[in-house]
Protein backbone atom coordinates (compact mmCIF):
# COMPACT_ATOMS: atom_id res chain seq x y z
CA MET A 1 20.70 12.84 44.40
CA ASP A 2 20.47 9.85 42.07
CA PRO A 3 17.35 7.79 42.98
CA ILE A 4 19.40 4.56 42.99
CA LEU A 5 21.96 6.03 45.42
CA LEU A 6 19.13 7.43 47.52
CA LYS A 7 17.50 4.01 47.74
CA TYR A 8 20.83 2.47 48.76
CA LYS A 9 21.52 5.07 51.44
CA PHE A 10 18.07 4.74 52.99
CA ARG A 11 17.40 1.12 52.07
CA ASP A 12 16.24 0.17 55.58
CA LEU A 13 13.66 2.97 55.72
CA LEU A 14 12.48 2.28 52.20
CA ALA A 15 12.33 -1.45 52.82
CA LEU A 16 10.16 -0.84 55.87
CA ALA A 17 7.95 1.51 53.85
CA ALA A 18 7.66 -1.01 51.02
CA MET A 19 6.30 -3.58 53.46
CA GLN A 20 3.38 -1.22 54.19
CA GLY A 21 2.37 -0.90 50.54
CA LYS A 22 3.00 1.16 47.43
CA ASP A 23 1.52 4.42 48.79
CA VAL A 24 3.72 4.44 51.90
CA TYR A 25 6.81 3.51 49.85
CA GLU A 26 6.27 6.30 47.29
CA ASN A 27 5.55 8.79 50.07
CA GLU A 28 8.81 7.91 51.83
CA LEU A 29 10.81 8.05 48.60
CA ASN A 30 9.42 11.51 47.77
CA LYS A 31 10.03 12.68 51.33
CA LEU A 32 13.69 11.61 51.24
CA SER A 33 14.18 13.00 47.72
CA ASN A 34 13.04 16.41 48.93
CA LEU A 35 15.44 16.66 51.84
CA LYS A 36 17.28 19.97 51.49
CA VAL A 37 20.65 18.28 51.34
CA TYR A 38 19.60 16.43 48.17
CA ARG A 39 17.73 19.24 46.43
CA LYS A 40 19.34 21.15 43.61
CA PRO A 41 20.87 24.27 45.21
CA LYS A 42 19.10 27.52 44.35
CA LEU A 43 19.26 31.11 45.46
CA THR A 44 16.51 32.06 47.86
CA LEU A 45 15.50 35.44 49.21
CA GLN A 46 15.96 34.04 52.70
CA SER A 47 19.58 33.06 52.05
CA ILE A 48 20.33 36.42 50.37
CA PHE A 49 18.93 38.39 53.30
CA GLN A 50 20.59 36.10 55.86
CA THR A 51 23.93 37.02 54.28
CA TYR A 52 23.48 40.72 53.55
CA TRP A 53 20.84 42.07 55.96
CA PRO A 54 23.27 42.33 58.93
CA ILE A 55 25.43 44.61 56.75
CA PHE A 56 22.61 46.46 54.97
CA LYS A 57 20.54 47.28 58.08
CA PRO A 58 23.03 49.45 60.02
CA LEU A 59 23.99 51.36 56.87
CA PHE A 60 20.40 52.40 56.12
CA ILE A 61 18.75 52.16 59.55
CA ASP A 62 17.51 55.78 59.46
CA ARG A 63 15.56 55.03 56.26
CA LEU A 64 14.00 51.74 57.32
CA ARG A 65 10.38 51.76 58.50
CA PRO A 66 9.66 49.52 61.54
CA ALA A 67 7.50 47.27 59.35
CA ILE A 68 10.44 46.64 57.02
CA ILE A 69 12.74 45.58 59.84
CA SER A 70 10.05 43.41 61.43
CA ASN A 71 9.04 41.60 58.23
CA VAL A 72 12.58 41.03 56.98
CA GLU A 73 13.83 39.65 60.29
CA LYS A 74 10.79 37.39 60.63
CA MET A 75 11.44 36.05 57.13
CA ILE A 76 15.13 35.45 57.90
CA ASP A 77 14.17 33.24 60.86
CA CYS A 78 11.25 31.47 59.19
CA LYS A 79 11.30 27.73 60.06
CA ASN A 80 14.58 28.21 61.96
CA LEU A 81 14.45 25.26 64.38
CA SER A 82 16.43 27.19 67.01
CA LYS A 83 13.51 29.64 67.16
CA GLY A 84 10.88 26.97 67.71
CA TYR A 85 9.31 23.85 66.24
CA LEU A 86 6.46 21.37 66.55
CA PHE A 87 7.48 17.83 67.47
CA PHE A 88 5.59 14.98 65.80
CA GLU A 89 6.30 11.38 66.82
CA CYS A 90 5.25 8.03 65.47
CA PRO A 91 3.01 6.08 67.88
CA SER A 92 4.46 2.80 66.61
CA CYS A 93 8.23 3.33 66.21
CA ASP A 94 10.92 5.80 67.27
CA GLN A 95 10.79 8.06 64.21
CA PHE A 96 9.87 11.74 64.57
CA TYR A 97 9.41 14.88 62.48
CA LEU A 98 10.25 18.51 63.37
CA GLN A 99 8.19 21.25 61.76
CA GLY A 100 9.80 24.69 62.03
CA LEU A 101 7.45 27.54 62.93
CA SER A 102 6.29 29.80 60.11
CA CYS A 103 6.98 33.53 60.33
CA HIS A 104 3.62 34.56 58.78
CA SER A 105 5.28 37.48 57.01
CA ARG A 106 3.88 38.33 53.59
CA PHE A 107 7.45 39.18 52.60
CA CYS A 108 8.34 35.52 53.07
CA VAL A 109 8.06 33.51 49.85
CA SER A 110 7.09 30.33 51.71
CA CYS A 111 4.45 31.91 53.97
CA ASN A 112 3.12 34.07 51.15
CA GLN A 113 2.06 30.96 49.26
CA ASN A 114 -0.20 29.92 52.12
CA TYR A 115 -1.43 33.52 52.43
CA ARG A 116 -2.44 33.55 48.75
CA GLU A 117 -4.48 30.38 49.18
CA LYS A 118 -6.31 31.76 52.22
CA ARG A 119 -6.93 35.16 50.57
CA THR A 120 -8.38 33.47 47.50
CA ILE A 121 -10.83 31.51 49.64
CA ALA A 122 -11.71 34.61 51.70
CA VAL A 123 -12.44 36.67 48.59
CA GLN A 124 -14.41 33.97 46.79
CA SER A 125 -16.50 33.25 49.90
CA LYS A 126 -17.88 36.81 49.69
CA LEU A 127 -18.70 36.94 45.99
CA LEU A 128 -22.21 36.62 44.60
CA ASP A 129 -22.80 34.22 41.76
CA VAL A 130 -23.08 37.00 39.17
CA PRO A 131 -20.80 38.30 36.38
CA HIS A 132 -17.84 40.34 37.64
CA ARG A 133 -15.60 42.83 35.84
CA HIS A 134 -11.84 43.20 36.36
CA PHE A 135 -10.65 46.84 36.43
CA VAL A 136 -7.13 48.21 36.76
CA PHE A 137 -6.43 51.72 38.09
CA SER A 138 -3.01 53.40 37.95
CA ILE A 139 -1.73 56.66 39.38
CA ALA A 140 0.27 59.16 37.33
CA ARG A 141 4.04 58.59 37.39
CA GLU A 142 4.51 62.05 38.94
CA LEU A 143 2.63 60.94 42.08
CA ARG A 144 4.75 57.89 42.94
CA ASP A 145 7.20 59.70 45.22
CA TYR A 146 4.34 61.04 47.34
CA PHE A 147 3.02 57.50 47.83
CA ARG A 148 6.48 56.21 48.70
CA VAL A 149 6.95 58.79 51.46
CA TYR A 150 3.36 59.22 52.72
CA ARG A 151 2.13 55.65 53.11
CA GLY A 152 -1.30 56.82 54.26
CA LEU A 153 -1.96 57.73 50.63
CA PHE A 154 -2.64 54.04 49.92
CA ASP A 155 -5.84 54.44 51.98
CA VAL A 156 -6.64 57.47 49.81
CA PHE A 157 -6.08 55.37 46.69
CA PHE A 158 -8.62 52.77 47.85
CA SER A 159 -11.30 55.32 48.74
CA SER A 160 -10.77 57.25 45.48
CA VAL A 161 -11.28 54.12 43.35
CA ASN A 162 -14.48 53.36 45.25
CA GLU A 163 -15.70 56.96 44.80
CA ALA A 164 -15.00 56.89 41.07
CA LEU A 165 -16.86 53.64 40.44
CA GLN A 166 -19.78 54.67 42.65
CA ALA A 167 -19.99 58.01 40.82
CA LEU A 168 -20.94 56.09 37.65
CA VAL A 169 -23.93 54.63 39.48
CA PHE A 170 -24.95 57.96 41.02
CA SER A 171 -25.13 59.62 37.60
CA SER A 172 -28.78 58.52 37.78
CA LYS A 173 -31.07 60.47 40.17
CA ILE A 174 -33.14 57.38 40.98
CA ALA A 175 -29.91 55.54 41.88
CA VAL A 176 -29.03 58.31 44.35
CA LYS A 177 -32.54 58.27 45.82
CA GLU A 178 -32.46 54.50 46.29
CA ASP A 179 -28.79 54.59 47.38
CA ARG A 180 -27.79 51.89 44.92
CA ARG A 181 -24.35 50.51 45.68
CA LEU A 182 -21.92 48.39 43.72
CA GLY A 183 -20.08 45.49 45.31
CA LEU A 184 -16.34 45.53 44.75
CA VAL A 185 -13.11 44.01 46.02
CA ALA A 186 -9.91 46.05 45.56
CA PHE A 187 -6.35 44.65 45.53
CA LEU A 188 -3.39 47.02 45.92
CA HIS A 189 -0.21 46.20 44.00
CA THR A 190 2.92 48.35 44.31
CA PHE A 191 5.39 46.74 41.89
CA GLY A 192 5.81 45.76 38.28
CA ARG A 193 7.92 42.94 36.89
CA ASP A 194 10.95 45.26 36.90
CA LEU A 195 10.46 45.77 40.70
CA LYS A 196 9.99 49.53 40.30
CA PHE A 197 7.63 51.27 42.72
CA ASN A 198 4.44 51.55 40.68
CA PRO A 199 1.24 51.60 42.80
CA HIS A 200 -1.78 50.33 40.91
CA MET A 201 -5.00 48.62 41.85
CA HIS A 202 -6.88 45.60 40.56
CA VAL A 203 -10.60 45.79 41.29
CA LEU A 204 -13.19 43.04 40.98
CA VAL A 205 -16.62 44.64 40.45
CA ALA A 206 -19.94 42.78 40.52
CA GLU A 207 -22.13 43.79 37.60
CA ARG A 208 -24.94 44.45 40.05
CA THR A 209 -26.13 47.18 42.42
CA LEU A 210 -28.04 46.73 45.66
CA ASP A 211 -30.56 49.37 46.81
CA ILE A 212 -32.24 50.31 50.12
CA HIS A 213 -35.01 47.80 49.36
CA LEU A 214 -32.39 45.02 49.04
CA LYS A 215 -33.18 44.67 45.37
CA LEU A 216 -30.32 43.48 43.19
CA ARG A 217 -30.19 45.20 39.77
CA LYS A 218 -28.05 44.55 36.73
CA PHE A 219 -25.33 47.15 36.13
CA SER A 220 -23.00 46.26 33.29
CA TYR A 221 -22.39 49.53 31.42
CA PHE A 222 -19.29 51.39 32.61
CA HIS A 223 -18.58 54.71 30.89
CA PHE A 224 -14.78 54.56 30.76
CA GLU A 225 -14.22 58.18 29.70
CA LYS A 226 -16.17 59.38 32.72
CA LEU A 227 -14.58 56.78 34.99
CA ARG A 228 -11.06 58.00 34.20
CA LEU A 229 -12.00 61.60 34.93
CA TYR A 230 -13.91 60.70 38.11
CA PHE A 231 -10.91 58.73 39.32
CA GLN A 232 -8.44 61.50 38.52
CA LEU A 233 -10.45 64.23 40.26
CA ALA A 234 -11.26 62.10 43.32
CA LEU A 235 -7.65 60.95 43.74
CA LEU A 236 -6.12 64.42 43.39
CA ARG A 237 -8.69 65.99 45.72
CA ASN A 238 -8.24 63.30 48.36
CA ILE A 239 -4.42 63.41 48.16
CA SER A 240 -4.57 67.17 48.69
CA ASN A 241 -6.80 66.75 51.74
CA HIS A 242 -4.49 64.08 53.17
CA LEU A 243 -1.30 66.12 52.68
CA LYS A 244 -2.92 69.18 54.23
CA VAL A 245 -3.10 67.23 57.49
CA HIS A 246 -0.06 64.94 57.30
CA ALA A 247 2.58 66.91 55.40
CA SER A 248 4.36 70.24 55.75
CA LYS A 249 2.84 73.37 54.27
CA ASP A 250 5.62 73.46 51.66
CA VAL A 251 4.86 69.88 50.51
CA TYR A 252 1.13 70.63 50.46
CA ASN A 253 1.59 73.76 48.32
CA ARG A 254 4.01 71.98 45.99
CA PHE A 255 1.50 69.19 45.47
CA ASN A 256 -1.33 71.59 44.63
CA ARG A 257 0.83 73.19 41.95
CA LEU A 258 1.52 69.70 40.59
CA ARG A 259 -2.19 68.89 40.84
CA SER A 260 -3.07 71.72 38.45
CA SER A 261 -0.43 70.66 35.96
CA LEU A 262 -1.56 67.01 36.05
CA ILE A 263 -5.15 67.98 35.25
CA SER A 264 -3.85 69.90 32.24
CA LYS A 265 -1.46 67.13 31.18
CA TYR A 266 -3.88 64.21 31.56
CA LYS A 267 -6.98 65.71 30.01
CA LYS A 268 -8.64 62.30 29.64
CA GLY A 269 -8.02 61.39 33.28
CA PHE A 270 -5.78 58.77 34.85
CA TYR A 271 -5.54 55.18 33.64
CA ALA A 272 -8.60 53.06 34.33
CA HIS A 273 -9.16 49.94 32.27
CA GLY A 274 -11.77 47.20 32.46
CA PRO A 275 -12.47 44.99 29.45
CA LYS A 276 -15.59 42.84 29.30
CA LEU A 277 -15.36 39.27 30.51
CA LYS A 278 -15.59 37.93 26.97
CA ASP A 279 -12.24 39.60 26.27
CA TYR A 280 -10.45 37.50 28.91
CA GLY A 281 -10.40 34.28 26.92
CA PHE A 282 -10.04 31.54 29.56
CA LEU A 283 -11.19 33.89 32.35
CA ASN A 284 -14.86 33.38 31.60
CA SER A 285 -16.33 33.09 35.09
CA ALA A 286 -16.36 35.03 38.36
CA LYS A 287 -14.51 32.17 40.05
CA LYS A 288 -11.70 32.12 37.49
CA VAL A 289 -11.40 35.91 37.42
CA SER A 290 -11.29 36.17 41.22
CA ASP A 291 -8.83 33.29 41.44
CA TYR A 292 -6.54 34.94 38.89
CA ILE A 293 -6.65 38.41 40.44
CA THR A 294 -6.24 37.25 44.04
CA ARG A 295 -3.23 35.08 43.26
CA TYR A 296 -1.71 37.75 41.01
CA ALA A 297 -2.19 40.59 43.50
CA SER A 298 -0.98 38.55 46.49
CA ARG A 299 2.22 37.24 44.93
CA PRO A 300 5.67 38.32 46.20
CA ALA A 301 7.59 41.04 44.36
CA ILE A 302 9.84 38.52 42.66
CA SER A 303 9.77 34.78 42.10
CA GLU A 304 12.95 33.07 43.24
CA GLU A 305 13.06 31.33 39.87
CA ARG A 306 13.94 34.72 38.35
CA ILE A 307 17.10 35.07 40.46
CA LEU A 308 19.92 33.60 38.38
CA ASN A 309 23.17 34.31 40.18
CA LEU A 310 24.82 36.03 43.13
CA ASP A 311 28.56 36.72 42.97
CA THR A 312 29.62 36.96 46.61
CA SER A 313 33.05 38.32 45.63
CA THR A 314 31.63 41.37 43.85
CA HIS A 315 28.22 41.34 45.63
CA MET A 316 26.47 41.60 42.27
CA ILE A 317 23.15 39.81 41.73
CA THR A 318 21.62 38.84 38.38
CA TRP A 319 17.89 38.46 37.82
CA ILE A 320 15.47 38.53 34.88
CA TYR A 321 12.03 39.80 33.92
CA ASP A 322 9.76 39.86 30.88
CA PRO A 323 8.44 43.39 30.13
CA HIS A 324 4.69 43.96 30.30
CA ASP A 325 4.90 45.81 26.98
CA ASP A 326 5.75 42.52 25.24
CA ASP A 327 2.61 40.72 26.42
CA ASP A 328 0.56 41.45 23.30
CA LYS A 329 3.43 41.51 20.80
CA SER A 330 5.02 38.87 18.64
CA LYS A 331 8.77 38.39 18.60
CA ASP A 332 8.78 39.77 15.06
CA ASP A 333 7.45 43.13 16.23
CA PRO A 334 10.24 45.80 15.98
CA SER A 335 9.24 47.15 19.41
CA TYR A 336 9.48 43.71 21.05
CA MET A 337 12.02 44.00 23.89
CA GLY A 338 12.46 40.39 24.95
CA ARG A 339 13.58 39.05 28.30
CA GLN A 340 15.59 41.59 30.30
CA THR A 341 18.61 40.60 32.39
CA ILE A 342 19.54 42.87 35.27
CA THR A 343 22.87 42.72 37.08
CA GLU A 344 23.20 45.11 40.01
CA HIS A 345 24.65 45.44 43.49
CA VAL A 346 22.77 43.27 45.98
CA PHE A 347 22.06 46.32 48.20
CA LYS A 348 20.21 47.97 45.31
CA PHE A 349 18.26 44.75 44.79
CA ILE A 350 17.34 44.60 48.48
CA ALA A 351 16.22 48.25 48.45
CA LYS A 352 13.96 47.57 45.47
CA LEU A 353 12.27 44.71 47.33
CA ILE A 354 11.75 46.18 50.80
CA VAL A 355 10.06 49.38 49.58
CA HIS A 356 7.03 47.19 48.79
CA ILE A 357 6.62 46.03 52.40
CA HIS A 358 3.46 47.56 53.86
CA ASP A 359 3.15 48.98 57.36
CA GLU A 360 1.86 46.72 60.12
CA ASN A 361 -1.89 45.98 60.06
CA PHE A 362 -2.23 47.43 56.56
CA HIS A 363 -4.81 45.59 54.45
CA SER A 364 -3.88 45.32 50.77
CA ILE A 365 -7.26 43.73 49.92
CA ARG A 366 -10.41 45.69 50.79
CA TYR A 367 -14.15 45.34 50.28
CA PHE A 368 -16.55 48.13 49.37
CA GLY A 369 -20.26 48.64 48.72
CA PHE A 370 -22.43 45.64 49.46
CA TYR A 371 -19.29 43.48 49.85
CA ALA A 372 -18.04 45.60 52.76
CA ASN A 373 -18.17 43.97 56.19
CA LYS A 374 -19.89 47.06 57.63
CA SER A 375 -22.43 47.32 54.82
CA LYS A 376 -25.99 47.88 55.99
CA LYS A 377 -27.22 46.11 52.87
CA SER A 378 -27.19 42.37 53.44
CA VAL A 379 -26.54 39.98 50.55
CA VAL A 380 -27.13 36.85 52.65
CA ALA A 381 -30.31 36.00 50.75
CA PHE A 382 -28.58 35.93 47.35
CA LYS A 383 -26.77 32.96 45.84
CA LYS A 384 -23.04 32.98 46.53
CA LEU A 385 -20.29 31.97 44.14
CA LEU A 386 -19.21 29.16 46.47
CA SER A 387 -21.39 27.02 48.71
CA VAL A 388 -20.71 26.80 52.46
CA THR A 389 -19.60 23.19 51.99
CA THR A 390 -17.12 24.15 49.26
CA ILE A 391 -15.67 26.94 51.38
CA LYS A 392 -15.18 24.59 54.34
CA LEU A 393 -13.53 22.00 52.09
CA LYS A 394 -11.17 24.60 50.59
CA ARG A 395 -10.22 25.90 54.03
CA SER A 396 -9.54 22.40 55.33
CA ARG A 397 -7.13 21.85 52.44
CA SER A 398 -5.20 25.10 52.90
CA ASN A 399 -2.88 23.89 55.66
CA TRP A 400 0.86 23.23 55.62
CA ILE A 401 0.43 19.46 55.27
CA ASN A 402 -1.68 19.74 52.13
CA MET A 403 0.65 22.43 50.74
CA LEU A 404 3.59 20.01 51.06
CA LYS A 405 1.52 17.22 49.49
CA SER A 406 0.59 19.49 46.60
CA ILE A 407 4.10 20.84 45.92
CA TYR A 408 6.46 18.01 46.91
CA LYS A 409 4.09 15.03 46.58
CA TYR A 410 4.52 13.59 50.07
CA HIS A 411 2.67 13.58 53.39
CA PRO A 412 5.18 14.81 55.99
CA LEU A 413 3.54 12.95 58.88
CA LEU A 414 3.16 9.55 57.21
CA CYS A 415 5.81 7.38 58.83
CA SER A 416 7.72 4.72 56.87
CA CYS A 417 6.09 2.14 59.15
CA GLY A 418 2.68 3.18 57.82
CA HIS A 419 1.39 5.04 60.90
CA THR A 420 0.58 8.75 61.08
CA MET A 421 2.77 10.79 63.42
CA LYS A 422 1.08 12.67 66.26
CA LEU A 423 1.89 16.08 67.75
CA ASN A 424 3.67 15.99 71.10
CA LEU A 425 3.54 19.47 72.66
CA ASP A 426 5.75 18.41 75.58
CA TYR A 427 8.67 17.86 73.21
CA SER A 428 7.84 20.86 70.98
CA LEU A 429 9.77 24.14 71.30
CA LEU A 430 7.34 27.07 71.35
CA ARG A 431 9.15 30.37 71.75
CA ASP A 432 7.43 33.39 73.27
CA PRO A 433 6.86 35.77 70.30
CA GLY A 434 7.76 38.69 72.49
CA GLY A 435 10.89 37.04 73.86
């Protein structure tokens, strides 16, 4: 809406706010400007699923995991005032504010933003103030269908990455004797920019080991040729062991035949990459690296900015992505692909998204070695990346009020009369989650 028309429509509110000073006036103007009715219309995942999920669900109900149904339906009702809200009222005048309840689903774009902030703080609060290396591990394309069907294989993926990295340390007999352990944080990612199911893992590794004497030692040489082979052998062995218990005999035997062929095909092992920190350019510190990886690995499968159009008459949706292969190429390169535009049936689009929803209580970020919660080796005595004060400050800022202030530039509880609204639980609607 035109700012002049907005000021005319709400002149009484803005006049009252102006009497309280510039800060209150600008806050009220930004608040009114960001009302949904005045925002530029855009396609959201919530609106797409609200329209098509009631049709999609019964058609594919036999193929939908409980976690998919739960997360999608939570997201559809996120901040739906009929499902519950918090009531804030001004202590000085009769104005009030209703805050819809968040769904807390990681499939929800809105809630995921808050999740990313909290995950970043949680990860950084564990890190030691030492150099860290960013590794990426990928499975062979031939294994993707097994991971799609047998979701327990994600646990296998995590443990195999940890085994492979630890094997580099244990190549030394003294390291085995002293039980030297790396500290690492692993982030599972299941999609690429094209939304295809492509499980891979980002791993933040401290360039240190900790031994039974609680001595921290430098460890910065990673033999990549060995690492790829260690990872390949550990992953294939562990998948085989998992399928032996959780799959049919036919599937188990078929996998073991594939296992032999993969070892022959990928003689140098599976993909494992970890450049030195100096190769990152701007990512020259543990804080920046961890911040980048955590936000990258916790992001939703697709940004709503990439959804261009939905034709409700043909049910075709159009969205875009920039191929990873173009990242290090100039536009003059003959192999440069450029931005890709995809137009497909909305059901196909929905199917591509929901396959990335994890089962309930699944942790996509895990800690190993001396960063593990159950580690017997304490790192309390060593300097952390963030101080206790910094962590507390970051946590205090990661609430819904500060998120709105950061994104939309207004404080939702600052009344136009200059007072701060207070929560009134008696007038709030708090639904029973199980009801």
